[in-house]
Amino acid sequence: MITLIIEYHVNAASEHSFIEYMDALTQYSQKDEGCLFYQYYQQPHNPSIFLLLEEWSSQEFLNLHAEKEHFKRLVPELVKISQSNKRRFEN
């Protein structure tokens, strides 16, 4: 199993767009084969910080996820409006 924890920092002017993109990405990604968990959270005391938690059953499914149309369309938009820090765990 592969777990990704990605922390995003978004400026206040981009929060609404970020949430729209992340809502769409989450909805599609949760249906991707091999996805065990995919959910994001907004920090209540600092709404410019978001945390995305992903769990994938294997590297193969994570790779397939990165090839999906929704990933290729939405992730570049998220990258444009945020800074991120990704951590990866495996077991």
PDB file of N, CA and C in Angstrom:
ATOM      1  N   MET A   1       0.846  -1.176   0.000  1.00  0.00           N
ATOM      2  CA  MET A   1       0.000   0.000   0.000  1.00  0.00           C
ATOM      3  C   MET A   1       0.892   1.239   0.000  1.00  0.00           C
ATOM      4  N   ILE A   2       0.476   2.245  -0.735  1.00  0.00           N
ATOM      5  CA  ILE A   2       1.207   3.505  -0.820  1.00  0.00           C
ATOM      6  C   ILE A   2       0.311   4.611  -0.273  1.00  0.00           C
ATOM      7  N   THR A   3       0.848   5.391   0.641  1.00  0.00           N
ATOM      8  CA  THR A   3       0.133   6.524   1.212  1.00  0.00           C
ATOM      9  C   THR A   3       0.866   7.797   0.842  1.00  0.00           C
ATOM     10  N   LEU A   4       0.121   8.762   0.328  1.00  0.00           N
ATOM     11  CA  LEU A   4       0.665  10.078   0.033  1.00  0.00           C
ATOM     12  C   LEU A   4      -0.023  11.097   0.924  1.00  0.00           C
ATOM     13  N   ILE A   5       0.778  11.983   1.491  1.00  0.00           N
ATOM     14  CA  ILE A   5       0.267  13.101   2.273  1.00  0.00           C
ATOM     15  C   ILE A   5       0.822  14.354   1.622  1.00  0.00           C
ATOM     16  N   ILE A   6      -0.063  15.180   1.097  1.00  0.00           N
ATOM     17  CA  ILE A   6       0.365  16.378   0.389  1.00  0.00           C
ATOM     18  C   ILE A   6      -0.246  17.593   1.079  1.00  0.00           C
ATOM     19  N   GLU A   7       0.617  18.510   1.478  1.00  0.00           N
ATOM     20  CA  GLU A   7       0.172  19.750   2.095  1.00  0.00           C
ATOM     21  C   GLU A   7       0.267  20.860   1.057  1.00  0.00           C
ATOM     22  N   TYR A   8      -0.835  21.568   0.874  1.00  0.00           N
ATOM     23  CA  TYR A   8      -0.905  22.673  -0.082  1.00  0.00           C
ATOM     24  C   TYR A   8      -1.059  23.990   0.663  1.00  0.00           C
ATOM     25  N   HIS A   9      -0.366  24.997   0.178  1.00  0.00           N
ATOM     26  CA  HIS A   9      -0.523  26.365   0.672  1.00  0.00           C
ATOM     27  C   HIS A   9      -1.073  27.193  -0.478  1.00  0.00           C
ATOM     28  N   VAL A  10      -2.189  27.866  -0.224  1.00  0.00           N
ATOM     29  CA  VAL A  10      -2.911  28.594  -1.255  1.00  0.00           C
ATOM     30  C   VAL A  10      -3.126  30.023  -0.777  1.00  0.00           C
ATOM     31  N   ASN A  11      -2.938  30.994  -1.669  1.00  0.00           N
ATOM     32  CA  ASN A  11      -3.227  32.365  -1.227  1.00  0.00           C
ATOM     33  C   ASN A  11      -4.737  32.567  -1.182  1.00  0.00           C
ATOM     34  N   ALA A  12      -5.169  33.515  -0.389  1.00  0.00           N
ATOM     35  CA  ALA A  12      -6.594  33.710  -0.122  1.00  0.00           C
ATOM     36  C   ALA A  12      -7.394  33.938  -1.400  1.00  0.00           C
ATOM     37  N   ALA A  13      -6.825  34.622  -2.369  1.00  0.00           N
ATOM     38  CA  ALA A  13      -7.538  34.909  -3.615  1.00  0.00           C
ATOM     39  C   ALA A  13      -7.803  33.651  -4.435  1.00  0.00           C
ATOM     40  N   SER A  14      -7.048  32.586  -4.198  1.00  0.00           N
ATOM     41  CA  SER A  14      -7.182  31.355  -4.984  1.00  0.00           C
ATOM     42  C   SER A  14      -7.912  30.238  -4.250  1.00  0.00           C
ATOM     43  N   GLU A  15      -8.332  30.472  -3.016  1.00  0.00           N
ATOM     44  CA  GLU A  15      -8.960  29.404  -2.224  1.00  0.00           C
ATOM     45  C   GLU A  15     -10.180  28.807  -2.903  1.00  0.00           C
ATOM     46  N   HIS A  16     -11.055  29.653  -3.424  1.00  0.00           N
ATOM     47  CA  HIS A  16     -12.287  29.155  -4.046  1.00  0.00           C
ATOM     48  C   HIS A  16     -11.971  28.273  -5.257  1.00  0.00           C
ATOM     49  N   SER A  17     -11.067  28.719  -6.108  1.00  0.00           N
ATOM     50  CA  SER A  17     -10.675  27.921  -7.272  1.00  0.00           C
ATOM     51  C   SER A  17     -10.023  26.617  -6.848  1.00  0.00           C
ATOM     52  N   PHE A  18      -9.167  26.691  -5.839  1.00  0.00           N
ATOM     53  CA  PHE A  18      -8.496  25.488  -5.352  1.00  0.00           C
ATOM     54  C   PHE A  18      -9.520  24.453  -4.892  1.00  0.00           C
ATOM     55  N   ILE A  19     -10.508  24.882  -4.136  1.00  0.00           N
ATOM     56  CA  ILE A  19     -11.542  23.977  -3.631  1.00  0.00           C
ATOM     57  C   ILE A  19     -12.332  23.368  -4.789  1.00  0.00           C
ATOM     58  N   GLU A  20     -12.659  24.159  -5.799  1.00  0.00           N
ATOM     59  CA  GLU A  20     -13.387  23.626  -6.953  1.00  0.00           C
ATOM     60  C   GLU A  20     -12.571  22.546  -7.665  1.00  0.00           C
ATOM     61  N   TYR A  21     -11.304  22.825  -7.920  1.00  0.00           N
ATOM     62  CA  TYR A  21     -10.440  21.836  -8.576  1.00  0.00           C
ATOM     63  C   TYR A  21     -10.274  20.589  -7.706  1.00  0.00           C
ATOM     64  N   MET A  22     -10.060  20.793  -6.414  1.00  0.00           N
ATOM     65  CA  MET A  22      -9.835  19.659  -5.525  1.00  0.00           C
ATOM     66  C   MET A  22     -11.105  18.830  -5.342  1.00  0.00           C
ATOM     67  N   ASP A  23     -12.259  19.473  -5.300  1.00  0.00           N
ATOM     68  CA  ASP A  23     -13.519  18.722  -5.228  1.00  0.00           C
ATOM     69  C   ASP A  23     -13.659  17.803  -6.438  1.00  0.00           C
ATOM     70  N   ALA A  24     -13.392  18.346  -7.628  1.00  0.00           N
ATOM     71  CA  ALA A  24     -13.505  17.541  -8.849  1.00  0.00           C
ATOM     72  C   ALA A  24     -12.482  16.417  -8.854  1.00  0.00           C
ATOM     73  N   LEU A  25     -11.231  16.730  -8.516  1.00  0.00           N
ATOM     74  CA  LEU A  25     -10.187  15.718  -8.504  1.00  0.00           C
ATOM     75  C   LEU A  25     -10.514  14.605  -7.512  1.00  0.00           C
ATOM     76  N   THR A  26     -11.010  14.966  -6.357  1.00  0.00           N
ATOM     77  CA  THR A  26     -11.373  13.978  -5.337  1.00  0.00           C
ATOM     78  C   THR A  26     -12.502  13.079  -5.826  1.00  0.00           C
ATOM     79  N   GLN A  27     -13.528  13.683  -6.399  1.00  0.00           N
ATOM     80  CA  GLN A  27     -14.672  12.909  -6.879  1.00  0.00           C
ATOM     81  C   GLN A  27     -14.242  11.881  -7.926  1.00  0.00           C
ATOM     82  N   TYR A  28     -13.424  12.286  -8.878  1.00  0.00           N
ATOM     83  CA  TYR A  28     -12.957  11.360  -9.910  1.00  0.00           C
ATOM     84  C   TYR A  28     -11.985  10.324  -9.340  1.00  0.00           C
ATOM     85  N   SER A  29     -11.038  10.773  -8.545  1.00  0.00           N
ATOM     86  CA  SER A  29      -9.973   9.893  -8.065  1.00  0.00           C
ATOM     87  C   SER A  29     -10.489   8.799  -7.154  1.00  0.00           C
ATOM     88  N   GLN A  30     -11.504   9.097  -6.362  1.00  0.00           N
ATOM     89  CA  GLN A  30     -12.077   8.075  -5.481  1.00  0.00           C
ATOM     90  C   GLN A  30     -12.635   6.893  -6.265  1.00  0.00           C
ATOM     91  N   LYS A  31     -12.934   7.103  -7.541  1.00  0.00           N
ATOM     92  CA  LYS A  31     -13.473   6.040  -8.396  1.00  0.00           C
ATOM     93  C   LYS A  31     -12.384   5.304  -9.166  1.00  0.00           C
ATOM     94  N   ASP A  32     -11.144   5.804  -9.127  1.00  0.00           N
ATOM     95  CA  ASP A  32     -10.051   5.152  -9.850  1.00  0.00           C
ATOM     96  C   ASP A  32      -9.756   3.779  -9.244  1.00  0.00           C
ATOM     97  N   GLU A  33      -9.497   2.816 -10.122  1.00  0.00           N
ATOM     98  CA  GLU A  33      -9.154   1.482  -9.665  1.00  0.00           C
ATOM     99  C   GLU A  33      -7.894   1.542  -8.800  1.00  0.00           C
ATOM    100  N   GLY A  34      -7.911   0.828  -7.693  1.00  0.00           N
ATOM    101  CA  GLY A  34      -6.764   0.788  -6.798  1.00  0.00           C
ATOM    102  C   GLY A  34      -6.747   1.881  -5.746  1.00  0.00           C
ATOM    103  N   CYS A  35      -7.696   2.819  -5.831  1.00  0.00           N
ATOM    104  CA  CYS A  35      -7.767   3.884  -4.830  1.00  0.00           C
ATOM    105  C   CYS A  35      -8.455   3.346  -3.583  1.00  0.00           C
ATOM    106  N   LEU A  36      -7.751   3.375  -2.475  1.00  0.00           N
ATOM    107  CA  LEU A  36      -8.311   2.916  -1.201  1.00  0.00           C
ATOM    108  C   LEU A  36      -8.880   4.070  -0.392  1.00  0.00           C
ATOM    109  N   PHE A  37      -8.278   5.251  -0.548  1.00  0.00           N
ATOM    110  CA  PHE A  37      -8.725   6.432   0.190  1.00  0.00           C
ATOM    111  C   PHE A  37      -8.216   7.663  -0.534  1.00  0.00           C
ATOM    112  N   TYR A  38      -9.061   8.679  -0.642  1.00  0.00           N
ATOM    113  CA  TYR A  38      -8.671   9.932  -1.301  1.00  0.00           C
ATOM    114  C   TYR A  38      -9.554  11.020  -0.724  1.00  0.00           C
ATOM    115  N   GLN A  39      -8.982  11.892   0.098  1.00  0.00           N
ATOM    116  CA  GLN A  39      -9.778  12.935   0.747  1.00  0.00           C
ATOM    117  C   GLN A  39      -8.883  14.117   1.079  1.00  0.00           C
ATOM    118  N   TYR A  40      -9.432  15.317   0.945  1.00  0.00           N
ATOM    119  CA  TYR A  40      -8.674  16.505   1.346  1.00  0.00           C
ATOM    120  C   TYR A  40      -9.393  17.215   2.485  1.00  0.00           C
ATOM    121  N   TYR A  41      -8.615  18.017   3.199  1.00  0.00           N
ATOM    122  CA  TYR A  41      -9.107  18.740   4.368  1.00  0.00           C
ATOM    123  C   TYR A  41      -8.557  20.160   4.333  1.00  0.00           C
ATOM    124  N   GLN A  42      -9.345  21.093   4.834  1.00  0.00           N
ATOM    125  CA  GLN A  42      -8.902  22.479   4.958  1.00  0.00           C
ATOM    126  C   GLN A  42      -8.695  22.774   6.438  1.00  0.00           C
ATOM    127  N   GLN A  43      -7.536  23.362   6.753  1.00  0.00           N
ATOM    128  CA  GLN A  43      -7.234  23.643   8.147  1.00  0.00           C
ATOM    129  C   GLN A  43      -8.189  24.714   8.675  1.00  0.00           C
ATOM    130  N   PRO A  44      -8.863  24.463   9.792  1.00  0.00           N
ATOM    131  CA  PRO A  44      -9.878  25.407  10.271  1.00  0.00           C
ATOM    132  C   PRO A  44      -9.309  26.744  10.750  1.00  0.00           C
ATOM    133  N   HIS A  45      -8.115  26.752  11.306  1.00  0.00           N
ATOM    134  CA  HIS A  45      -7.568  27.991  11.847  1.00  0.00           C
ATOM    135  C   HIS A  45      -6.682  28.737  10.861  1.00  0.00           C
ATOM    136  N   ASN A  46      -6.375  28.086   9.745  1.00  0.00           N
ATOM    137  CA  ASN A  46      -5.612  28.719   8.674  1.00  0.00           C
ATOM    138  C   ASN A  46      -6.142  28.171   7.356  1.00  0.00           C
ATOM    139  N   PRO A  47      -7.225  28.777   6.827  1.00  0.00           N
ATOM    140  CA  PRO A  47      -7.902  28.216   5.656  1.00  0.00           C
ATOM    141  C   PRO A  47      -7.089  28.239   4.364  1.00  0.00           C
ATOM    142  N   SER A  48      -5.890  28.760   4.413  1.00  0.00           N
ATOM    143  CA  SER A  48      -5.035  28.729   3.220  1.00  0.00           C
ATOM    144  C   SER A  48      -4.202  27.455   3.159  1.00  0.00           C
ATOM    145  N   ILE A  49      -4.345  26.583   4.159  1.00  0.00           N
ATOM    146  CA  ILE A  49      -3.597  25.320   4.190  1.00  0.00           C
ATOM    147  C   ILE A  49      -4.579  24.158   4.017  1.00  0.00           C
ATOM    148  N   PHE A  50      -4.245  23.288   3.070  1.00  0.00           N
ATOM    149  CA  PHE A  50      -5.043  22.101   2.771  1.00  0.00           C
ATOM    150  C   PHE A  50      -4.152  20.876   2.894  1.00  0.00           C
ATOM    151  N   LEU A  51      -4.761  19.766   3.259  1.00  0.00           N
ATOM    152  CA  LEU A  51      -4.041  18.499   3.366  1.00  0.00           C
ATOM    153  C   LEU A  51      -4.796  17.467   2.531  1.00  0.00           C
ATOM    154  N   LEU A  52      -4.081  16.788   1.631  1.00  0.00           N
ATOM    155  CA  LEU A  52      -4.649  15.717   0.825  1.00  0.00           C
ATOM    156  C   LEU A  52      -4.051  14.398   1.281  1.00  0.00           C
ATOM    157  N   LEU A  53      -4.906  13.439   1.592  1.00  0.00           N
ATOM    158  CA  LEU A  53      -4.473  12.094   1.975  1.00  0.00           C
ATOM    159  C   LEU A  53      -4.919  11.126   0.887  1.00  0.00           C
ATOM    160  N   GLU A  54      -3.976  10.351   0.370  1.00  0.00           N
ATOM    161  CA  GLU A  54      -4.260   9.363  -0.669  1.00  0.00           C
ATOM    162  C   GLU A  54      -3.703   8.017  -0.225  1.00  0.00           C
ATOM    163  N   GLU A  55      -4.445   6.951  -0.486  1.00  0.00           N
ATOM    164  CA  GLU A  55      -3.935   5.595  -0.286  1.00  0.00           C
ATOM    165  C   GLU A  55      -4.245   4.799  -1.546  1.00  0.00           C
ATOM    166  N   TRP A  56      -3.215   4.114  -2.044  1.00  0.00           N
ATOM    167  CA  TRP A  56      -3.311   3.313  -3.262  1.00  0.00           C
ATOM    168  C   TRP A  56      -2.855   1.903  -2.962  1.00  0.00           C
ATOM    169  N   SER A  57      -3.490   0.936  -3.581  1.00  0.00           N
ATOM    170  CA  SER A  57      -3.159  -0.456  -3.296  1.00  0.00           C
ATOM    171  C   SER A  57      -1.797  -0.852  -3.856  1.00  0.00           C
ATOM    172  N   SER A  58      -1.304  -0.142  -4.893  1.00  0.00           N
ATOM    173  CA  SER A  58       0.008  -0.469  -5.456  1.00  0.00           C
ATOM    174  C   SER A  58       0.542   0.704  -6.274  1.00  0.00           C
ATOM    175  N   GLN A  59       1.818   0.645  -6.577  1.00  0.00           N
ATOM    176  CA  GLN A  59       2.434   1.656  -7.425  1.00  0.00           C
ATOM    177  C   GLN A  59       1.814   1.641  -8.821  1.00  0.00           C
ATOM    178  N   GLU A  60       1.462   0.460  -9.294  1.00  0.00           N
ATOM    179  CA  GLU A  60       0.834   0.341 -10.620  1.00  0.00           C
ATOM    180  C   GLU A  60      -0.440   1.180 -10.704  1.00  0.00           C
ATOM    181  N   PHE A  61      -1.286   1.100  -9.680  1.00  0.00           N
ATOM    182  CA  PHE A  61      -2.529   1.867  -9.698  1.00  0.00           C
ATOM    183  C   PHE A  61      -2.268   3.360  -9.515  1.00  0.00           C
ATOM    184  N   LEU A  62      -1.281   3.709  -8.741  1.00  0.00           N
ATOM    185  CA  LEU A  62      -0.918   5.120  -8.603  1.00  0.00           C
ATOM    186  C   LEU A  62      -0.431   5.669  -9.949  1.00  0.00           C
ATOM    187  N   ASN A  63       0.360   4.885 -10.671  1.00  0.00           N
ATOM    188  CA  ASN A  63       0.825   5.295 -11.996  1.00  0.00           C
ATOM    189  C   ASN A  63      -0.347   5.469 -12.963  1.00  0.00           C
ATOM    190  N   LEU A  64      -1.299   4.542 -12.921  1.00  0.00           N
ATOM    191  CA  LEU A  64      -2.483   4.648 -13.777  1.00  0.00           C
ATOM    192  C   LEU A  64      -3.296   5.892 -13.446  1.00  0.00           C
ATOM    193  N   HIS A  65      -3.393   6.206 -12.179  1.00  0.00           N
ATOM    194  CA  HIS A  65      -4.092   7.414 -11.731  1.00  0.00           C
ATOM    195  C   HIS A  65      -3.468   8.659 -12.369  1.00  0.00           C
ATOM    196  N   ALA A  66      -2.145   8.708 -12.412  1.00  0.00           N
ATOM    197  CA  ALA A  66      -1.444   9.867 -12.981  1.00  0.00           C
ATOM    198  C   ALA A  66      -1.636   9.982 -14.489  1.00  0.00           C
ATOM    199  N   GLU A  67      -2.126   8.942 -15.126  1.00  0.00           N
ATOM    200  CA  GLU A  67      -2.376   8.961 -16.570  1.00  0.00           C
ATOM    201  C   GLU A  67      -3.831   9.289 -16.918  1.00  0.00           C
ATOM    202  N   LYS A  68      -4.670   9.382 -15.914  1.00  0.00           N
ATOM    203  CA  LYS A  68      -6.090   9.655 -16.155  1.00  0.00           C
ATOM    204  C   LYS A  68      -6.305  11.086 -16.643  1.00  0.00           C
ATOM    205  N   GLU A  69      -7.349  11.271 -17.440  1.00  0.00           N
ATOM    206  CA  GLU A  69      -7.669  12.597 -17.987  1.00  0.00           C
ATOM    207  C   GLU A  69      -7.906  13.611 -16.875  1.00  0.00           C
ATOM    208  N   HIS A  70      -8.640  13.213 -15.846  1.00  0.00           N
ATOM    209  CA  HIS A  70      -8.937  14.162 -14.771  1.00  0.00           C
ATOM    210  C   HIS A  70      -7.669  14.593 -14.039  1.00  0.00           C
ATOM    211  N   PHE A  71      -6.719  13.705 -13.868  1.00  0.00           N
ATOM    212  CA  PHE A  71      -5.447  14.057 -13.221  1.00  0.00           C
ATOM    213  C   PHE A  71      -4.678  15.047 -14.090  1.00  0.00           C
ATOM    214  N   LYS A  72      -4.557  14.730 -15.375  1.00  0.00           N
ATOM    215  CA  LYS A  72      -3.790  15.584 -16.284  1.00  0.00           C
ATOM    216  C   LYS A  72      -4.433  16.957 -16.485  1.00  0.00           C
ATOM    217  N   ARG A  73      -5.730  17.050 -16.316  1.00  0.00           N
ATOM    218  CA  ARG A  73      -6.436  18.319 -16.476  1.00  0.00           C
ATOM    219  C   ARG A  73      -6.423  19.158 -15.192  1.00  0.00           C
ATOM    220  N   LEU A  74      -6.630  18.507 -14.051  1.00  0.00           N
ATOM    221  CA  LEU A  74      -6.830  19.250 -12.805  1.00  0.00           C
ATOM    222  C   LEU A  74      -5.550  19.521 -12.021  1.00  0.00           C
ATOM    223  N   VAL A  75      -4.629  18.575 -11.986  1.00  0.00           N
ATOM    224  CA  VAL A  75      -3.422  18.765 -11.183  1.00  0.00           C
ATOM    225  C   VAL A  75      -2.598  19.964 -11.651  1.00  0.00           C
ATOM    226  N   PRO A  76      -2.418  20.183 -12.967  1.00  0.00           N
ATOM    227  CA  PRO A  76      -1.682  21.391 -13.373  1.00  0.00           C
ATOM    228  C   PRO A  76      -2.343  22.693 -12.900  1.00  0.00           C
ATOM    229  N   GLU A  77      -3.668  22.695 -12.823  1.00  0.00           N
ATOM    230  CA  GLU A  77      -4.370  23.885 -12.316  1.00  0.00           C
ATOM    231  C   GLU A  77      -4.084  24.089 -10.828  1.00  0.00           C
ATOM    232  N   LEU A  78      -4.049  22.993 -10.077  1.00  0.00           N
ATOM    233  CA  LEU A  78      -3.718  23.082  -8.651  1.00  0.00           C
ATOM    234  C   LEU A  78      -2.287  23.574  -8.454  1.00  0.00           C
ATOM    235  N   VAL A  79      -1.392  23.099  -9.281  1.00  0.00           N
ATOM    236  CA  VAL A  79       0.020  23.495  -9.183  1.00  0.00           C
ATOM    237  C   VAL A  79       0.177  24.994  -9.450  1.00  0.00           C
ATOM    238  N   LYS A  80      -0.607  25.524 -10.387  1.00  0.00           N
ATOM    239  CA  LYS A  80      -0.519  26.956 -10.728  1.00  0.00           C
ATOM    240  C   LYS A  80      -0.883  27.857  -9.553  1.00  0.00           C
ATOM    241  N   ILE A  81      -1.799  27.397  -8.709  1.00  0.00           N
ATOM    242  CA  ILE A  81      -2.327  28.286  -7.663  1.00  0.00           C
ATOM    243  C   ILE A  81      -1.913  27.894  -6.255  1.00  0.00           C
ATOM    244  N   SER A  82      -0.957  26.983  -6.125  1.00  0.00           N
ATOM    245  CA  SER A  82      -0.559  26.564  -4.780  1.00  0.00           C
ATOM    246  C   SER A  82       0.906  26.154  -4.750  1.00  0.00           C
ATOM    247  N   GLN A  83       1.397  26.028  -3.535  1.00  0.00           N
ATOM    248  CA  GLN A  83       2.702  25.424  -3.289  1.00  0.00           C
ATOM    249  C   GLN A  83       2.430  24.155  -2.500  1.00  0.00           C
ATOM    250  N   SER A  84       3.182  23.093  -2.788  1.00  0.00           N
ATOM    251  CA  SER A  84       2.891  21.845  -2.103  1.00  0.00           C
ATOM    252  C   SER A  84       4.158  21.173  -1.590  1.00  0.00           C
ATOM    253  N   ASN A  85       3.939  20.323  -0.620  1.00  0.00           N
ATOM    254  CA  ASN A  85       4.982  19.497  -0.025  1.00  0.00           C
ATOM    255  C   ASN A  85       4.414  18.087   0.100  1.00  0.00           C
ATOM    256  N   LYS A  86       5.028  17.129  -0.601  1.00  0.00           N
ATOM    257  CA  LYS A  86       4.503  15.761  -0.630  1.00  0.00           C
ATOM    258  C   LYS A  86       5.375  14.824   0.175  1.00  0.00           C
ATOM    259  N   ARG A  87       4.711  13.950   0.955  1.00  0.00           N
ATOM    260  CA  ARG A  87       5.402  12.888   1.678  1.00  0.00           C
ATOM    261  C   ARG A  87       4.801  11.558   1.246  1.00  0.00           C
ATOM    262  N   ARG A  88       5.655  10.570   1.124  1.00  0.00           N
ATOM    263  CA  ARG A  88       5.218   9.255   0.652  1.00  0.00           C
ATOM    264  C   ARG A  88       5.606   8.191   1.678  1.00  0.00           C
ATOM    265  N   PHE A  89       4.679   7.276   1.921  1.00  0.00           N
ATOM    266  CA  PHE A  89       4.898   6.171   2.844  1.00  0.00           C
ATOM    267  C   PHE A  89       4.459   4.885   2.168  1.00  0.00           C
ATOM    268  N   GLU A  90       5.148   3.800   2.467  1.00  0.00           N
ATOM    269  CA  GLU A  90       4.782   2.498   1.914  1.00  0.00           C
ATOM    270  C   GLU A  90       4.809   1.445   3.021  1.00  0.00           C
ATOM    271  N   ASN A  91       3.938   0.471   2.866  1.00  0.00           N
ATOM    272  CA  ASN A  91       3.991  -0.705   3.753  1.00  0.00           C
ATOM    273  C   ASN A  91       3.521  -1.915   3.010  1.00  0.00           C
TER     274      ASN A  91
END
